[in-house]
C-alpha atoms as a PDB file:
ATOM      1  CA  UNK A   1      80.099 111.593  85.572  1.00  0.00           C
ATOM      2  CA  UNK A   2      79.513 110.595  82.020  1.00  0.00           C
ATOM      3  CA  UNK A   3      78.172 107.177  80.619  1.00  0.00           C
ATOM      4  CA  UNK A   4      81.601 106.274  79.211  1.00  0.00           C
ATOM      5  CA  UNK A   5      83.465 106.930  82.621  1.00  0.00           C
ATOM      6  CA  UNK A   6      80.876 104.724  84.395  1.00  0.00           C
ATOM      7  CA  UNK A   7      81.314 101.860  81.826  1.00  0.00           C
ATOM      8  CA  UNK A   8      85.151 102.087  82.337  1.00  0.00           C
ATOM      9  CA  UNK A   9      84.691 102.044  86.153  1.00  0.00           C
ATOM     10  CA  UNK A  10      82.490  99.081  85.997  1.00  0.00           C
ATOM     11  CA  UNK A  11      85.008  97.262  84.022  1.00  0.00           C
ATOM     12  CA  UNK A  12      87.657  98.123  86.536  1.00  0.00           C
ATOM     13  CA  UNK A  13      85.276  96.808  89.324  1.00  0.00           C
ATOM     14  CA  UNK A  14      84.783  93.690  87.340  1.00  0.00           C
ATOM     15  CA  UNK A  15      88.480  93.296  86.928  1.00  0.00           C
ATOM     16  CA  UNK A  16      88.896  93.515  90.683  1.00  0.00           C
ATOM     17  CA  UNK A  17      86.100  90.960  91.318  1.00  0.00           C
ATOM     18  CA  UNK A  18      87.580  88.493  88.709  1.00  0.00           C
ATOM     19  CA  UNK A  19      91.445  89.000  89.445  1.00  0.00           C
ATOM     20  CA  UNK A  20      91.354  89.942  93.188  1.00  0.00           C
ATOM     21  CA  UNK A  21      94.182  87.484  93.786  1.00  0.00           C
ATOM     22  CA  UNK A  22      96.377  89.376  91.229  1.00  0.00           C
ATOM     23  CA  UNK A  23      98.753  92.228  92.230  1.00  0.00           C
ATOM     24  CA  UNK A  24      96.365  95.139  91.507  1.00  0.00           C
ATOM     25  CA  UNK A  25      96.985  98.728  92.138  1.00  0.00           C
ATOM     26  CA  UNK A  26      95.056 102.026  91.511  1.00  0.00           C
ATOM     27  CA  UNK A  27      97.721 103.249  88.792  1.00  0.00           C
ATOM     28  CA  UNK A  28      97.216 100.051  86.810  1.00  0.00           C
ATOM     29  CA  UNK A  29      93.416  99.973  87.121  1.00  0.00           C
ATOM     30  CA  UNK A  30      93.331 103.756  86.293  1.00  0.00           C
ATOM     31  CA  UNK A  31      95.299 103.049  83.082  1.00  0.00           C
ATOM     32  CA  UNK A  32      92.827 100.303  82.145  1.00  0.00           C
ATOM     33  CA  UNK A  33      89.965 102.864  82.777  1.00  0.00           C
ATOM     34  CA  UNK A  34      91.834 105.519  80.619  1.00  0.00           C
ATOM     35  CA  UNK A  35      91.949 107.867  83.646  1.00  0.00           C
ATOM     36  CA  UNK A  36      94.462 109.408  85.900  1.00  0.00           C
ATOM     37  CA  UNK A  37      94.998 107.634  89.236  1.00  0.00           C
ATOM     38  CA  UNK A  38      93.410 110.508  91.152  1.00  0.00           C
ATOM     39  CA  UNK A  39      90.404 110.992  88.827  1.00  0.00           C
ATOM     40  CA  UNK A  40      89.948 107.152  88.916  1.00  0.00           C
ATOM     41  CA  UNK A  41      89.965 107.048  92.676  1.00  0.00           C
ATOM     42  CA  UNK A  42      87.588 109.980  93.025  1.00  0.00           C
ATOM     43  CA  UNK A  43      85.145 108.750  90.305  1.00  0.00           C
ATOM     44  CA  UNK A  44      85.237 105.199  91.763  1.00  0.00           C
ATOM     45  CA  UNK A  45      84.326 106.333  95.166  1.00  0.00           C
ATOM     46  CA  UNK A  46      81.644 108.538  93.771  1.00  0.00           C
ATOM     47  CA  UNK A  47      80.086 105.640  91.767  1.00  0.00           C
ATOM     48  CA  UNK A  48      80.596 102.890  94.195  1.00  0.00           C
ATOM     49  CA  UNK A  49      80.694 104.538  97.706  1.00  0.00           C
ATOM     50  CA  UNK A  50      84.324 103.305  98.518  1.00  0.00           C
ATOM     51  CA  UNK A  51      87.733 103.626  97.346  1.00  0.00           C
ATOM     52  CA  UNK A  52      89.363 101.154  94.766  1.00  0.00           C
ATOM     53  CA  UNK A  53      91.542  99.845  97.547  1.00  0.00           C
ATOM     54  CA  UNK A  54      88.757  99.275 100.033  1.00  0.00           C
ATOM     55  CA  UNK A  55      86.625  97.539  97.437  1.00  0.00           C
ATOM     56  CA  UNK A  56      89.494  95.135  96.435  1.00  0.00           C
ATOM     57  CA  UNK A  57      90.235  94.438 100.090  1.00  0.00           C
ATOM     58  CA  UNK A  58      86.652  93.648 100.703  1.00  0.00           C
ATOM     59  CA  UNK A  59      86.769  91.174  97.785  1.00  0.00           C
ATOM     60  CA  UNK A  60      89.820  89.521  99.145  1.00  0.00           C
ATOM     61  CA  UNK A  61      88.550  89.355 102.746  1.00  0.00           C
ATOM     62  CA  UNK A  62      85.347  87.906 101.351  1.00  0.00           C
ATOM     63  CA  UNK A  63      87.250  85.186  99.636  1.00  0.00           C
ATOM     64  CA  UNK A  64      89.457  84.637 102.494  1.00  0.00           C
ATOM     65  CA  UNK A  65      86.464  83.916 104.865  1.00  0.00           C
ATOM     66  CA  UNK A  66      85.341  81.171 102.383  1.00  0.00           C
ATOM     67  CA  UNK A  67      88.771  79.728 102.410  1.00  0.00           C
ATOM     68  CA  UNK A  68      89.073  79.925 106.220  1.00  0.00           C
ATOM     69  CA  UNK A  69      85.685  78.186 106.603  1.00  0.00           C
ATOM     70  CA  UNK A  70      86.937  75.189 104.602  1.00  0.00           C
ATOM     71  CA  UNK A  71      89.602  74.890 107.237  1.00  0.00           C
ATOM     72  CA  UNK A  72      92.210  72.923 105.205  1.00  0.00           C
ATOM     73  CA  UNK A  73      94.554  76.022 104.613  1.00  0.00           C
ATOM     74  CA  UNK A  74      96.545  77.910 107.285  1.00  0.00           C
ATOM     75  CA  UNK A  75      95.828  81.634 107.770  1.00  0.00           C
ATOM     76  CA  UNK A  76      99.217  82.404 105.950  1.00  0.00           C
ATOM     77  CA  UNK A  77      98.276  80.237 103.035  1.00  0.00           C
ATOM     78  CA  UNK A  78      94.859  81.933 102.684  1.00  0.00           C
ATOM     79  CA  UNK A  79      96.569  85.421 102.955  1.00  0.00           C
ATOM     80  CA  UNK A  80      98.731  84.707  99.876  1.00  0.00           C
ATOM     81  CA  UNK A  81      95.984  82.779  98.098  1.00  0.00           C
ATOM     82  CA  UNK A  82      93.762  86.072  98.071  1.00  0.00           C
ATOM     83  CA  UNK A  83      96.536  88.088  96.927  1.00  0.00           C
ATOM     84  CA  UNK A  84      97.853  89.782 100.025  1.00  0.00           C
ATOM     85  CA  UNK A  85     101.601  89.963 100.464  1.00  0.00           C
ATOM     86  CA  UNK A  86     101.779  90.963 104.133  1.00  0.00           C
ATOM     87  CA  UNK A  87     100.328  88.625 106.723  1.00  0.00           C
ATOM     88  CA  UNK A  88     100.379  91.613 109.285  1.00  0.00           C
ATOM     89  CA  UNK A  89      98.350  93.787 106.915  1.00  0.00           C
ATOM     90  CA  UNK A  90      95.966  90.980 106.035  1.00  0.00           C
ATOM     91  CA  UNK A  91      95.345  90.126 109.593  1.00  0.00           C
ATOM     92  CA  UNK A  92      94.699  93.715 110.651  1.00  0.00           C
ATOM     93  CA  UNK A  93      92.253  94.303 107.653  1.00  0.00           C
ATOM     94  CA  UNK A  94      90.576  91.036 108.154  1.00  0.00           C
ATOM     95  CA  UNK A  95      89.924  91.903 111.858  1.00  0.00           C
ATOM     96  CA  UNK A  96      88.780  95.479 110.924  1.00  0.00           C
ATOM     97  CA  UNK A  97      86.308  94.148 108.578  1.00  0.00           C
ATOM     98  CA  UNK A  98      85.076  91.061 110.189  1.00  0.00           C
ATOM     99  CA  UNK A  99      85.362  91.859 113.832  1.00  0.00           C
ATOM    100  CA  UNK A 100      87.645  88.977 114.788  1.00  0.00           C
ATOM    101  CA  UNK A 101      91.137  87.800 113.764  1.00  0.00           C
ATOM    102  CA  UNK A 102      91.504  85.288 110.811  1.00  0.00           C
ATOM    103  CA  UNK A 103      92.701  82.499 113.399  1.00  0.00           C
ATOM    104  CA  UNK A 104      89.597  83.025 115.581  1.00  0.00           C
ATOM    105  CA  UNK A 105      87.387  82.975 112.541  1.00  0.00           C
ATOM    106  CA  UNK A 106      88.915  79.822 111.173  1.00  0.00           C
ATOM    107  CA  UNK A 107      88.937  78.029 114.388  1.00  0.00           C
ATOM    108  CA  UNK A 108      85.135  78.580 115.307  1.00  0.00           C
ATOM    109  CA  UNK A 109      82.431  76.395 113.851  1.00  0.00           C
ATOM    110  CA  UNK A 110      80.601  77.525 110.680  1.00  0.00           C
ATOM    111  CA  UNK A 111      78.202  74.620 110.489  1.00  0.00           C
ATOM    112  CA  UNK A 112      75.123  76.988 111.055  1.00  0.00           C
ATOM    113  CA  UNK A 113      75.440  78.425 107.585  1.00  0.00           C
ATOM    114  CA  UNK A 114      75.819  75.072 105.847  1.00  0.00           C
ATOM    115  CA  UNK A 115      72.031  75.009 104.867  1.00  0.00           C
ATOM    116  CA  UNK A 116      71.894  78.438 103.549  1.00  0.00           C
ATOM    117  CA  UNK A 117      72.207  78.930  99.800  1.00  0.00           C
ATOM    118  CA  UNK A 118      75.461  80.590  98.763  1.00  0.00           C
ATOM    119  CA  UNK A 119      73.807  83.502  97.039  1.00  0.00           C
ATOM    120  CA  UNK A 120      72.082  84.417 100.387  1.00  0.00           C
ATOM    121  CA  UNK A 121      75.105  83.611 102.533  1.00  0.00           C
ATOM    122  CA  UNK A 122      77.183  86.006 100.415  1.00  0.00           C
ATOM    123  CA  UNK A 123      74.892  88.810 101.404  1.00  0.00           C
ATOM    124  CA  UNK A 124      75.089  88.125 105.024  1.00  0.00           C
ATOM    125  CA  UNK A 125      78.845  87.297 105.279  1.00  0.00           C
ATOM    126  CA  UNK A 126      80.065  90.345 103.241  1.00  0.00           C
ATOM    127  CA  UNK A 127      82.652  91.934 105.223  1.00  0.00           C
ATOM    128  CA  UNK A 128      81.713  95.494 106.629  1.00  0.00           C
ATOM    129  CA  UNK A 129      84.166  97.789 108.290  1.00  0.00           C
ATOM    130  CA  UNK A 130      83.709  97.645 112.139  1.00  0.00           C
ATOM    131  CA  UNK A 131      84.683 100.693 114.280  1.00  0.00           C
END
């Protein structure tokens, strides 16, 4: 992979980090990176260790966890706030990455992590695929 491709892939990843709640898809991200969708997906996985879709969903679930910990939004509101369009798909992916349903995650206490700096908490609360 050449340096120009890596720069474009980083820009695409930055766009996913910044615009995770927007309707993003591989063809659109690939156009922005000046690559075909297939080449973009393969290159992204090679560079970052996961597919663009998986990376985007991890960002969305990460943000969903923060919103659910606040406790003032319903699971459905959180689902749409992070850019997911299907409550069923959101719940399935959340459970897959977090190990419990969004409702269960929202309902349990999260006070233990209140004293931990956010930059440290982010490392330990990053969703990781279970199973």
